């Protein structure tokens, strides 16, 4: 099977620096090391590495992180492997990918 990669610039992850206190919980729970800590707050180190699992937003005690947790691009990868071209993918919209850039390349890049 070929190597699978995430799509660029389609992740719904957002960090509100005003709400972040630098507790570091997001660093602890993120399975892909998306976050890093600066001197006072968390920062997004690699946004495109986010798989939208939602662990960071569910565990942030200050509600500084938001992400549309769900199957994300996993559904697109599975649908593409099964040859399903009529299925929604990569995002919440019914018309397909949530990003114009992703639509240009096709759902799975």
PDB file of N, CA and C in Angstrom:
ATOM      1  N   UNK A   1       0.849  -1.183   0.000  1.00  0.00           N
ATOM      2  CA  UNK A   1       0.000   0.000   0.000  1.00  0.00           C
ATOM      3  C   UNK A   1       0.893   1.244   0.000  1.00  0.00           C
ATOM      4  N   UNK A   2       0.454   2.299  -0.661  1.00  0.00           N
ATOM      5  CA  UNK A   2       1.246   3.528  -0.729  1.00  0.00           C
ATOM      6  C   UNK A   2       1.224   4.274   0.597  1.00  0.00           C
ATOM      7  N   UNK A   3       2.199   5.146   0.805  1.00  0.00           N
ATOM      8  CA  UNK A   3       2.304   5.974   2.004  1.00  0.00           C
ATOM      9  C   UNK A   3       1.201   7.029   1.987  1.00  0.00           C
ATOM     10  N   UNK A   4       0.426   7.132   3.065  1.00  0.00           N
ATOM     11  CA  UNK A   4      -0.652   8.114   3.154  1.00  0.00           C
ATOM     12  C   UNK A   4      -0.167   9.350   3.896  1.00  0.00           C
ATOM     13  N   UNK A   5      -0.613  10.516   3.479  1.00  0.00           N
ATOM     14  CA  UNK A   5      -0.247  11.764   4.139  1.00  0.00           C
ATOM     15  C   UNK A   5      -1.491  12.589   4.379  1.00  0.00           C
ATOM     16  N   UNK A   6      -1.391  13.526   5.333  1.00  0.00           N
ATOM     17  CA  UNK A   6      -2.488  14.432   5.625  1.00  0.00           C
ATOM     18  C   UNK A   6      -2.543  15.525   4.567  1.00  0.00           C
ATOM     19  N   UNK A   7      -3.707  16.125   4.402  1.00  0.00           N
ATOM     20  CA  UNK A   7      -3.858  17.257   3.488  1.00  0.00           C
ATOM     21  C   UNK A   7      -3.335  18.521   4.155  1.00  0.00           C
ATOM     22  N   UNK A   8      -2.796  19.423   3.388  1.00  0.00           N
ATOM     23  CA  UNK A   8      -2.282  20.690   3.905  1.00  0.00           C
ATOM     24  C   UNK A   8      -3.423  21.699   4.058  1.00  0.00           C
ATOM     25  N   UNK A   9      -3.357  22.462   5.125  1.00  0.00           N
ATOM     26  CA  UNK A   9      -4.237  23.611   5.357  1.00  0.00           C
ATOM     27  C   UNK A   9      -5.737  23.298   5.369  1.00  0.00           C
ATOM     28  N   UNK A  10      -6.141  22.140   5.876  1.00  0.00           N
ATOM     29  CA  UNK A  10      -7.564  21.828   5.982  1.00  0.00           C
ATOM     30  C   UNK A  10      -8.014  21.562   7.416  1.00  0.00           C
ATOM     31  N   UNK A  11      -7.090  21.538   8.342  1.00  0.00           N
ATOM     32  CA  UNK A  11      -7.401  21.211   9.733  1.00  0.00           C
ATOM     33  C   UNK A  11      -8.218  22.334  10.373  1.00  0.00           C
ATOM     34  N   UNK A  12      -9.186  21.966  11.194  1.00  0.00           N
ATOM     35  CA  UNK A  12     -10.058  22.941  11.852  1.00  0.00           C
ATOM     36  C   UNK A  12      -9.506  23.418  13.195  1.00  0.00           C
ATOM     37  N   UNK A  13      -8.318  23.006  13.568  1.00  0.00           N
ATOM     38  CA  UNK A  13      -7.701  23.328  14.852  1.00  0.00           C
ATOM     39  C   UNK A  13      -7.480  24.828  15.018  1.00  0.00           C
ATOM     40  N   UNK A  14      -7.905  25.344  16.192  1.00  0.00           N
ATOM     41  CA  UNK A  14      -7.678  26.757  16.527  1.00  0.00           C
ATOM     42  C   UNK A  14      -7.248  26.858  17.982  1.00  0.00           C
ATOM     43  N   UNK A  15      -6.315  27.761  18.255  1.00  0.00           N
ATOM     44  CA  UNK A  15      -5.831  28.014  19.607  1.00  0.00           C
ATOM     45  C   UNK A  15      -6.048  29.484  19.930  1.00  0.00           C
ATOM     46  N   UNK A  16      -6.780  29.762  21.007  1.00  0.00           N
ATOM     47  CA  UNK A  16      -7.029  31.129  21.455  1.00  0.00           C
ATOM     48  C   UNK A  16      -5.964  31.480  22.498  1.00  0.00           C
ATOM     49  N   UNK A  17      -4.974  32.235  22.087  1.00  0.00           N
ATOM     50  CA  UNK A  17      -3.851  32.583  22.983  1.00  0.00           C
ATOM     51  C   UNK A  17      -4.303  33.413  24.182  1.00  0.00           C
ATOM     52  N   UNK A  18      -5.395  34.135  24.032  1.00  0.00           N
ATOM     53  CA  UNK A  18      -5.912  34.937  25.148  1.00  0.00           C
ATOM     54  C   UNK A  18      -6.414  34.047  26.288  1.00  0.00           C
ATOM     55  N   UNK A  19      -6.971  32.896  25.960  1.00  0.00           N
ATOM     56  CA  UNK A  19      -7.490  31.979  26.973  1.00  0.00           C
ATOM     57  C   UNK A  19      -6.429  31.021  27.508  1.00  0.00           C
ATOM     58  N   UNK A  20      -5.378  30.788  26.734  1.00  0.00           N
ATOM     59  CA  UNK A  20      -4.343  29.819  27.115  1.00  0.00           C
ATOM     60  C   UNK A  20      -3.543  30.340  28.304  1.00  0.00           C
ATOM     61  N   UNK A  21      -3.393  29.476  29.321  1.00  0.00           N
ATOM     62  CA  UNK A  21      -2.615  29.836  30.515  1.00  0.00           C
ATOM     63  C   UNK A  21      -1.252  29.158  30.544  1.00  0.00           C
ATOM     64  N   UNK A  22      -0.980  28.312  29.572  1.00  0.00           N
ATOM     65  CA  UNK A  22       0.305  27.618  29.535  1.00  0.00           C
ATOM     66  C   UNK A  22       0.367  26.405  30.441  1.00  0.00           C
ATOM     67  N   UNK A  23      -0.768  25.783  30.718  1.00  0.00           N
ATOM     68  CA  UNK A  23      -0.798  24.619  31.625  1.00  0.00           C
ATOM     69  C   UNK A  23      -0.104  23.402  31.024  1.00  0.00           C
ATOM     70  N   UNK A  24      -0.049  23.314  29.688  1.00  0.00           N
ATOM     71  CA  UNK A  24       0.633  22.217  29.020  1.00  0.00           C
ATOM     72  C   UNK A  24      -0.189  20.958  28.813  1.00  0.00           C
ATOM     73  N   UNK A  25      -1.450  20.979  29.159  1.00  0.00           N
ATOM     74  CA  UNK A  25      -2.279  19.785  29.001  1.00  0.00           C
ATOM     75  C   UNK A  25      -2.348  19.344  27.538  1.00  0.00           C
ATOM     76  N   UNK A  26      -2.407  20.286  26.612  1.00  0.00           N
ATOM     77  CA  UNK A  26      -2.483  19.934  25.192  1.00  0.00           C
ATOM     78  C   UNK A  26      -1.235  19.170  24.745  1.00  0.00           C
ATOM     79  N   UNK A  27      -0.087  19.529  25.269  1.00  0.00           N
ATOM     80  CA  UNK A  27       1.140  18.812  24.934  1.00  0.00           C
ATOM     81  C   UNK A  27       1.100  17.379  25.445  1.00  0.00           C
ATOM     82  N   UNK A  28       0.484  17.199  26.591  1.00  0.00           N
ATOM     83  CA  UNK A  28       0.400  15.863  27.210  1.00  0.00           C
ATOM     84  C   UNK A  28      -0.507  14.924  26.421  1.00  0.00           C
ATOM     85  N   UNK A  29      -1.632  15.435  25.919  1.00  0.00           N
ATOM     86  CA  UNK A  29      -2.631  14.548  25.322  1.00  0.00           C
ATOM     87  C   UNK A  29      -2.551  14.428  23.803  1.00  0.00           C
ATOM     88  N   UNK A  30      -1.843  15.307  23.138  1.00  0.00           N
ATOM     89  CA  UNK A  30      -1.787  15.272  21.667  1.00  0.00           C
ATOM     90  C   UNK A  30      -0.907  14.117  21.197  1.00  0.00           C
ATOM     91  N   UNK A  31      -1.471  13.193  20.418  1.00  0.00           N
ATOM     92  CA  UNK A  31      -0.693  12.033  19.963  1.00  0.00           C
ATOM     93  C   UNK A  31       0.306  12.349  18.850  1.00  0.00           C
ATOM     94  N   UNK A  32       0.200  13.526  18.232  1.00  0.00           N
ATOM     95  CA  UNK A  32       1.084  13.860  17.112  1.00  0.00           C
ATOM     96  C   UNK A  32       1.976  15.067  17.375  1.00  0.00           C
ATOM     97  N   UNK A  33       2.111  15.458  18.627  1.00  0.00           N
ATOM     98  CA  UNK A  33       2.984  16.568  19.012  1.00  0.00           C
ATOM     99  C   UNK A  33       2.730  17.823  18.177  1.00  0.00           C
ATOM    100  N   UNK A  34       1.463  18.180  18.067  1.00  0.00           N
ATOM    101  CA  UNK A  34       1.063  19.350  17.294  1.00  0.00           C
ATOM    102  C   UNK A  34       1.438  20.645  18.024  1.00  0.00           C
ATOM    103  N   UNK A  35       1.475  20.587  19.345  1.00  0.00           N
ATOM    104  CA  UNK A  35       1.715  21.789  20.153  1.00  0.00           C
ATOM    105  C   UNK A  35       3.134  21.845  20.694  1.00  0.00           C
ATOM    106  N   UNK A  36       3.570  23.065  20.991  1.00  0.00           N
ATOM    107  CA  UNK A  36       4.821  23.294  21.709  1.00  0.00           C
ATOM    108  C   UNK A  36       4.565  24.401  22.720  1.00  0.00           C
ATOM    109  N   UNK A  37       5.425  24.535  23.678  1.00  0.00           N
ATOM    110  CA  UNK A  37       5.260  25.558  24.708  1.00  0.00           C
ATOM    111  C   UNK A  37       6.287  26.657  24.479  1.00  0.00           C
ATOM    112  N   UNK A  38       5.824  27.907  24.479  1.00  0.00           N
ATOM    113  CA  UNK A  38       6.774  29.010  24.501  1.00  0.00           C
ATOM    114  C   UNK A  38       6.928  29.413  25.958  1.00  0.00           C
ATOM    115  N   UNK A  39       7.393  30.572  26.253  1.00  0.00           N
ATOM    116  CA  UNK A  39       7.634  30.933  27.649  1.00  0.00           C
ATOM    117  C   UNK A  39       6.372  31.027  28.493  1.00  0.00           C
ATOM    118  N   UNK A  40       5.226  31.364  27.881  1.00  0.00           N
ATOM    119  CA  UNK A  40       4.012  31.553  28.680  1.00  0.00           C
ATOM    120  C   UNK A  40       2.771  30.854  28.168  1.00  0.00           C
ATOM    121  N   UNK A  41       2.782  30.424  26.908  1.00  0.00           N
ATOM    122  CA  UNK A  41       1.580  29.856  26.301  1.00  0.00           C
ATOM    123  C   UNK A  41       1.937  28.691  25.388  1.00  0.00           C
ATOM    124  N   UNK A  42       0.940  27.893  25.106  1.00  0.00           N
ATOM    125  CA  UNK A  42       1.105  26.863  24.083  1.00  0.00           C
ATOM    126  C   UNK A  42       1.036  27.532  22.715  1.00  0.00           C
ATOM    127  N   UNK A  43       1.692  26.915  21.762  1.00  0.00           N
ATOM    128  CA  UNK A  43       1.643  27.354  20.376  1.00  0.00           C
ATOM    129  C   UNK A  43       1.413  26.133  19.504  1.00  0.00           C
ATOM    130  N   UNK A  44       0.888  26.355  18.329  1.00  0.00           N
ATOM    131  CA  UNK A  44       0.727  25.266  17.379  1.00  0.00           C
ATOM    132  C   UNK A  44       2.047  25.106  16.637  1.00  0.00           C
ATOM    133  N   UNK A  45       2.685  23.958  16.815  1.00  0.00           N
ATOM    134  CA  UNK A  45       3.983  23.666  16.211  1.00  0.00           C
ATOM    135  C   UNK A  45       3.812  23.205  14.768  1.00  0.00           C
ATOM    136  N   UNK A  46       2.882  22.277  14.552  1.00  0.00           N
ATOM    137  CA  UNK A  46       2.671  21.709  13.218  1.00  0.00           C
ATOM    138  C   UNK A  46       1.184  21.441  13.023  1.00  0.00           C
ATOM    139  N   UNK A  47       0.475  22.443  12.569  1.00  0.00           N
ATOM    140  CA  UNK A  47      -0.982  22.360  12.409  1.00  0.00           C
ATOM    141  C   UNK A  47      -1.403  21.225  11.485  1.00  0.00           C
ATOM    142  N   UNK A  48      -0.654  21.007  10.425  1.00  0.00           N
ATOM    143  CA  UNK A  48      -1.009  19.971   9.459  1.00  0.00           C
ATOM    144  C   UNK A  48      -0.820  18.552   9.999  1.00  0.00           C
ATOM    145  N   UNK A  49      -0.147  18.403  11.132  1.00  0.00           N
ATOM    146  CA  UNK A  49       0.016  17.081  11.749  1.00  0.00           C
ATOM    147  C   UNK A  49      -1.215  16.693  12.570  1.00  0.00           C
ATOM    148  N   UNK A  50      -2.114  17.633  12.794  1.00  0.00           N
ATOM    149  CA  UNK A  50      -3.323  17.369  13.588  1.00  0.00           C
ATOM    150  C   UNK A  50      -4.234  16.406  12.855  1.00  0.00           C
ATOM    151  N   UNK A  51      -4.684  15.353  13.568  1.00  0.00           N
ATOM    152  CA  UNK A  51      -5.608  14.396  12.973  1.00  0.00           C
ATOM    153  C   UNK A  51      -7.034  14.624  13.462  1.00  0.00           C
ATOM    154  N   UNK A  52      -7.263  15.742  14.128  1.00  0.00           N
ATOM    155  CA  UNK A  52      -8.581  16.164  14.591  1.00  0.00           C
ATOM    156  C   UNK A  52      -9.244  15.138  15.515  1.00  0.00           C
ATOM    157  N   UNK A  53      -8.456  14.555  16.394  1.00  0.00           N
ATOM    158  CA  UNK A  53      -9.020  13.575  17.332  1.00  0.00           C
ATOM    159  C   UNK A  53      -9.825  14.254  18.435  1.00  0.00           C
ATOM    160  N   UNK A  54      -9.506  15.509  18.745  1.00  0.00           N
ATOM    161  CA  UNK A  54     -10.252  16.259  19.746  1.00  0.00           C
ATOM    162  C   UNK A  54      -9.727  16.143  21.163  1.00  0.00           C
ATOM    163  N   UNK A  55      -8.658  15.386  21.377  1.00  0.00           N
ATOM    164  CA  UNK A  55      -8.129  15.208  22.735  1.00  0.00           C
ATOM    165  C   UNK A  55      -7.710  16.542  23.355  1.00  0.00           C
ATOM    166  N   UNK A  56      -7.110  17.411  22.575  1.00  0.00           N
ATOM    167  CA  UNK A  56      -6.648  18.696  23.111  1.00  0.00           C
ATOM    168  C   UNK A  56      -7.816  19.567  23.563  1.00  0.00           C
ATOM    169  N   UNK A  57      -8.835  19.670  22.730  1.00  0.00           N
ATOM    170  CA  UNK A  57      -9.963  20.539  23.092  1.00  0.00           C
ATOM    171  C   UNK A  57     -10.765  19.970  24.252  1.00  0.00           C
ATOM    172  N   UNK A  58     -10.907  18.652  24.303  1.00  0.00           N
ATOM    173  CA  UNK A  58     -11.653  18.036  25.409  1.00  0.00           C
ATOM    174  C   UNK A  58     -10.928  18.146  26.740  1.00  0.00           C
ATOM    175  N   UNK A  59      -9.610  18.226  26.702  1.00  0.00           N
ATOM    176  CA  UNK A  59      -8.830  18.248  27.929  1.00  0.00           C
ATOM    177  C   UNK A  59      -8.311  19.625  28.322  1.00  0.00           C
ATOM    178  N   UNK A  60      -8.541  20.637  27.514  1.00  0.00           N
ATOM    179  CA  UNK A  60      -8.087  21.985  27.857  1.00  0.00           C
ATOM    180  C   UNK A  60      -9.008  22.564  28.931  1.00  0.00           C
ATOM    181  N   UNK A  61      -8.477  22.800  30.137  1.00  0.00           N
ATOM    182  CA  UNK A  61      -9.332  23.287  31.219  1.00  0.00           C
ATOM    183  C   UNK A  61      -9.799  24.730  31.024  1.00  0.00           C
ATOM    184  N   UNK A  62      -9.219  25.427  30.068  1.00  0.00           N
ATOM    185  CA  UNK A  62      -9.559  26.839  29.867  1.00  0.00           C
ATOM    186  C   UNK A  62     -10.270  27.096  28.543  1.00  0.00           C
ATOM    187  N   UNK A  63     -10.651  26.021  27.844  1.00  0.00           N
ATOM    188  CA  UNK A  63     -11.360  26.112  26.563  1.00  0.00           C
ATOM    189  C   UNK A  63     -10.645  27.014  25.564  1.00  0.00           C
ATOM    190  N   UNK A  64      -9.319  26.900  25.528  1.00  0.00           N
ATOM    191  CA  UNK A  64      -8.513  27.709  24.625  1.00  0.00           C
ATOM    192  C   UNK A  64      -8.340  27.057  23.257  1.00  0.00           C
ATOM    193  N   UNK A  65      -8.727  25.797  23.148  1.00  0.00           N
ATOM    194  CA  UNK A  65      -8.522  25.060  21.902  1.00  0.00           C
ATOM    195  C   UNK A  65      -9.866  24.598  21.361  1.00  0.00           C
ATOM    196  N   UNK A  66     -10.037  24.760  20.051  1.00  0.00           N
ATOM    197  CA  UNK A  66     -11.228  24.229  19.397  1.00  0.00           C
ATOM    198  C   UNK A  66     -10.799  23.448  18.162  1.00  0.00           C
ATOM    199  N   UNK A  67     -11.520  22.373  17.891  1.00  0.00           N
ATOM    200  CA  UNK A  67     -11.285  21.561  16.707  1.00  0.00           C
ATOM    201  C   UNK A  67     -12.561  20.774  16.447  1.00  0.00           C
ATOM    202  N   UNK A  68     -12.891  20.598  15.188  1.00  0.00           N
ATOM    203  CA  UNK A  68     -14.057  19.781  14.839  1.00  0.00           C
ATOM    204  C   UNK A  68     -13.599  18.330  14.845  1.00  0.00           C
ATOM    205  N   UNK A  69     -13.737  17.700  15.994  1.00  0.00           N
ATOM    206  CA  UNK A  69     -13.290  16.316  16.140  1.00  0.00           C
ATOM    207  C   UNK A  69     -14.191  15.375  15.358  1.00  0.00           C
ATOM    208  N   UNK A  70     -13.619  14.372  14.828  1.00  0.00           N
ATOM    209  CA  UNK A  70     -14.367  13.389  14.066  1.00  0.00           C
ATOM    210  C   UNK A  70     -13.426  12.540  13.256  1.00  0.00           C
ATOM    211  N   UNK A  71     -13.918  11.974  12.203  1.00  0.00           N
ATOM    212  CA  UNK A  71     -13.097  11.079  11.407  1.00  0.00           C
ATOM    213  C   UNK A  71     -12.197  11.823  10.430  1.00  0.00           C
ATOM    214  N   UNK A  72     -12.491  13.087  10.168  1.00  0.00           N
ATOM    215  CA  UNK A  72     -11.632  13.899   9.314  1.00  0.00           C
ATOM    216  C   UNK A  72     -11.238  13.209   8.032  1.00  0.00           C
ATOM    217  N   UNK A  73      -9.980  13.249   7.708  1.00  0.00           N
ATOM    218  CA  UNK A  73      -9.499  12.696   6.445  1.00  0.00           C
ATOM    219  C   UNK A  73      -9.443  11.179   6.436  1.00  0.00           C
ATOM    220  N   UNK A  74      -9.614  10.555   7.589  1.00  0.00           N
ATOM    221  CA  UNK A  74      -9.658   9.090   7.598  1.00  0.00           C
ATOM    222  C   UNK A  74     -10.787   8.598   6.694  1.00  0.00           C
ATOM    223  N   UNK A  75     -11.919   9.266   6.738  1.00  0.00           N
ATOM    224  CA  UNK A  75     -13.040   8.885   5.883  1.00  0.00           C
ATOM    225  C   UNK A  75     -12.679   9.050   4.411  1.00  0.00           C
ATOM    226  N   UNK A  76     -11.959  10.112   4.082  1.00  0.00           N
ATOM    227  CA  UNK A  76     -11.565  10.341   2.694  1.00  0.00           C
ATOM    228  C   UNK A  76     -10.609   9.258   2.210  1.00  0.00           C
ATOM    229  N   UNK A  77      -9.668   8.881   3.049  1.00  0.00           N
ATOM    230  CA  UNK A  77      -8.711   7.852   2.677  1.00  0.00           C
ATOM    231  C   UNK A  77      -9.424   6.521   2.442  1.00  0.00           C
ATOM    232  N   UNK A  78     -10.295   6.149   3.363  1.00  0.00           N
ATOM    233  CA  UNK A  78     -11.029   4.887   3.236  1.00  0.00           C
ATOM    234  C   UNK A  78     -11.923   4.904   2.000  1.00  0.00           C
ATOM    235  N   UNK A  79     -12.664   5.998   1.798  1.00  0.00           N
ATOM    236  CA  UNK A  79     -13.539   6.091   0.630  1.00  0.00           C
ATOM    237  C   UNK A  79     -12.746   6.021  -0.670  1.00  0.00           C
ATOM    238  N   UNK A  80     -11.587   6.668  -0.706  1.00  0.00           N
ATOM    239  CA  UNK A  80     -10.760   6.630  -1.917  1.00  0.00           C
ATOM    240  C   UNK A  80     -10.246   5.227  -2.185  1.00  0.00           C
ATOM    241  N   UNK A  81      -9.834   4.531  -1.127  1.00  0.00           N
ATOM    242  CA  UNK A  81      -9.323   3.166  -1.291  1.00  0.00           C
ATOM    243  C   UNK A  81     -10.419   2.216  -1.764  1.00  0.00           C
ATOM    244  N   UNK A  82     -11.662   2.507  -1.376  1.00  0.00           N
ATOM    245  CA  UNK A  82     -12.791   1.682  -1.781  1.00  0.00           C
ATOM    246  C   UNK A  82     -13.396   2.125  -3.115  1.00  0.00           C
ATOM    247  N   UNK A  83     -12.844   3.183  -3.696  1.00  0.00           N
ATOM    248  CA  UNK A  83     -13.330   3.668  -4.979  1.00  0.00           C
ATOM    249  C   UNK A  83     -14.618   4.449  -4.894  1.00  0.00           C
ATOM    250  N   UNK A  84     -14.979   4.896  -3.721  1.00  0.00           N
ATOM    251  CA  UNK A  84     -16.219   5.665  -3.544  1.00  0.00           C
ATOM    252  C   UNK A  84     -15.942   7.134  -3.828  1.00  0.00           C
ATOM    253  N   UNK A  85     -16.352   7.608  -4.953  1.00  0.00           N
ATOM    254  CA  UNK A  85     -16.116   9.007  -5.306  1.00  0.00           C
ATOM    255  C   UNK A  85     -17.315   9.885  -5.010  1.00  0.00           C
ATOM    256  N   UNK A  86     -18.446   9.278  -4.639  1.00  0.00           N
ATOM    257  CA  UNK A  86     -19.662  10.048  -4.380  1.00  0.00           C
ATOM    258  C   UNK A  86     -19.854  10.364  -2.904  1.00  0.00           C
ATOM    259  N   UNK A  87     -18.886  10.019  -2.049  1.00  0.00           N
ATOM    260  CA  UNK A  87     -19.023  10.216  -0.609  1.00  0.00           C
ATOM    261  C   UNK A  87     -18.433  11.547  -0.175  1.00  0.00           C
ATOM    262  N   UNK A  88     -19.044  12.208   0.829  1.00  0.00           N
ATOM    263  CA  UNK A  88     -18.427  13.398   1.400  1.00  0.00           C
ATOM    264  C   UNK A  88     -17.095  13.022   2.034  1.00  0.00           C
ATOM    265  N   UNK A  89     -16.197  13.968   2.070  1.00  0.00           N
ATOM    266  CA  UNK A  89     -14.890  13.651   2.635  1.00  0.00           C
ATOM    267  C   UNK A  89     -14.263  14.858   3.304  1.00  0.00           C
ATOM    268  N   UNK A  90     -13.290  14.607   4.108  1.00  0.00           N
ATOM    269  CA  UNK A  90     -12.367  15.603   4.651  1.00  0.00           C
ATOM    270  C   UNK A  90     -12.977  16.760   5.421  1.00  0.00           C
ATOM    271  N   UNK A  91     -14.248  16.886   5.545  1.00  0.00           N
ATOM    272  CA  UNK A  91     -14.777  18.033   6.247  1.00  0.00           C
ATOM    273  C   UNK A  91     -16.263  17.938   6.466  1.00  0.00           C
ATOM    274  N   UNK A  92     -16.811  18.947   7.131  1.00  0.00           N
ATOM    275  CA  UNK A  92     -18.201  18.898   7.514  1.00  0.00           C
ATOM    276  C   UNK A  92     -19.201  19.204   6.412  1.00  0.00           C
ATOM    277  N   UNK A  93     -18.755  19.752   5.301  1.00  0.00           N
ATOM    278  CA  UNK A  93     -19.732  20.144   4.289  1.00  0.00           C
ATOM    279  C   UNK A  93     -20.222  18.931   3.510  1.00  0.00           C
ATOM    280  N   UNK A  94     -21.452  18.981   3.046  1.00  0.00           N
ATOM    281  CA  UNK A  94     -22.023  17.883   2.281  1.00  0.00           C
ATOM    282  C   UNK A  94     -21.473  17.820   0.865  1.00  0.00           C
ATOM    283  N   UNK A  95     -20.876  18.905   0.406  1.00  0.00           N
ATOM    284  CA  UNK A  95     -20.399  18.936  -0.967  1.00  0.00           C
ATOM    285  C   UNK A  95     -18.998  18.382  -1.118  1.00  0.00           C
ATOM    286  N   UNK A  96     -18.375  17.962  -0.043  1.00  0.00           N
ATOM    287  CA  UNK A  96     -17.030  17.394  -0.168  1.00  0.00           C
ATOM    288  C   UNK A  96     -16.075  18.070   0.773  1.00  0.00           C
ATOM    289  N   UNK A  97     -14.881  18.270   0.319  1.00  0.00           N
ATOM    290  CA  UNK A  97     -13.820  18.797   1.174  1.00  0.00           C
ATOM    291  C   UNK A  97     -14.144  20.196   1.681  1.00  0.00           C
ATOM    292  N   UNK A  98     -13.638  20.494   2.867  1.00  0.00           N
ATOM    293  CA  UNK A  98     -13.914  21.771   3.495  1.00  0.00           C
ATOM    294  C   UNK A  98     -12.959  22.857   3.033  1.00  0.00           C
ATOM    295  N   UNK A  99     -12.006  22.527   2.205  1.00  0.00           N
ATOM    296  CA  UNK A  99     -11.015  23.494   1.765  1.00  0.00           C
ATOM    297  C   UNK A  99     -10.994  23.591   0.247  1.00  0.00           C
ATOM    298  N   UNK A 100     -11.000  24.813  -0.302  1.00  0.00           N
ATOM    299  CA  UNK A 100     -10.907  24.953  -1.756  1.00  0.00           C
ATOM    300  C   UNK A 100      -9.623  24.335  -2.301  1.00  0.00           C
ATOM    301  N   UNK A 101      -8.517  24.457  -1.546  1.00  0.00           N
ATOM    302  CA  UNK A 101      -7.250  23.877  -1.994  1.00  0.00           C
ATOM    303  C   UNK A 101      -7.341  22.364  -2.076  1.00  0.00           C
ATOM    304  N   UNK A 102      -8.029  21.750  -1.130  1.00  0.00           N
ATOM    305  CA  UNK A 102      -8.189  20.295  -1.138  1.00  0.00           C
ATOM    306  C   UNK A 102      -9.067  19.870  -2.307  1.00  0.00           C
ATOM    307  N   UNK A 103     -10.108  20.648  -2.614  1.00  0.00           N
ATOM    308  CA  UNK A 103     -10.982  20.310  -3.736  1.00  0.00           C
ATOM    309  C   UNK A 103     -10.238  20.334  -5.060  1.00  0.00           C
ATOM    310  N   UNK A 104      -9.289  21.275  -5.211  1.00  0.00           N
ATOM    311  CA  UNK A 104      -8.535  21.383  -6.454  1.00  0.00           C
ATOM    312  C   UNK A 104      -7.707  20.133  -6.706  1.00  0.00           C
ATOM    313  N   UNK A 105      -7.156  19.558  -5.641  1.00  0.00           N
ATOM    314  CA  UNK A 105      -6.291  18.401  -5.763  1.00  0.00           C
ATOM    315  C   UNK A 105      -7.059  17.097  -5.741  1.00  0.00           C
ATOM    316  N   UNK A 106      -8.317  17.142  -5.433  1.00  0.00           N
ATOM    317  CA  UNK A 106      -9.060  15.910  -5.176  1.00  0.00           C
ATOM    318  C   UNK A 106      -9.010  15.677  -3.687  1.00  0.00           C
ATOM    319  N   UNK A 107      -9.899  14.907  -3.193  1.00  0.00           N
ATOM    320  CA  UNK A 107     -10.068  14.794  -1.751  1.00  0.00           C
ATOM    321  C   UNK A 107      -8.837  14.297  -1.023  1.00  0.00           C
ATOM    322  N   UNK A 108      -8.134  13.390  -1.601  1.00  0.00           N
ATOM    323  CA  UNK A 108      -6.997  12.791  -0.886  1.00  0.00           C
ATOM    324  C   UNK A 108      -5.663  13.245  -1.446  1.00  0.00           C
ATOM    325  N   UNK A 109      -5.651  14.399  -2.060  1.00  0.00           N
ATOM    326  CA  UNK A 109      -4.392  14.965  -2.521  1.00  0.00           C
ATOM    327  C   UNK A 109      -3.893  14.308  -3.735  1.00  0.00           C
TER     328      UNK A 109
END
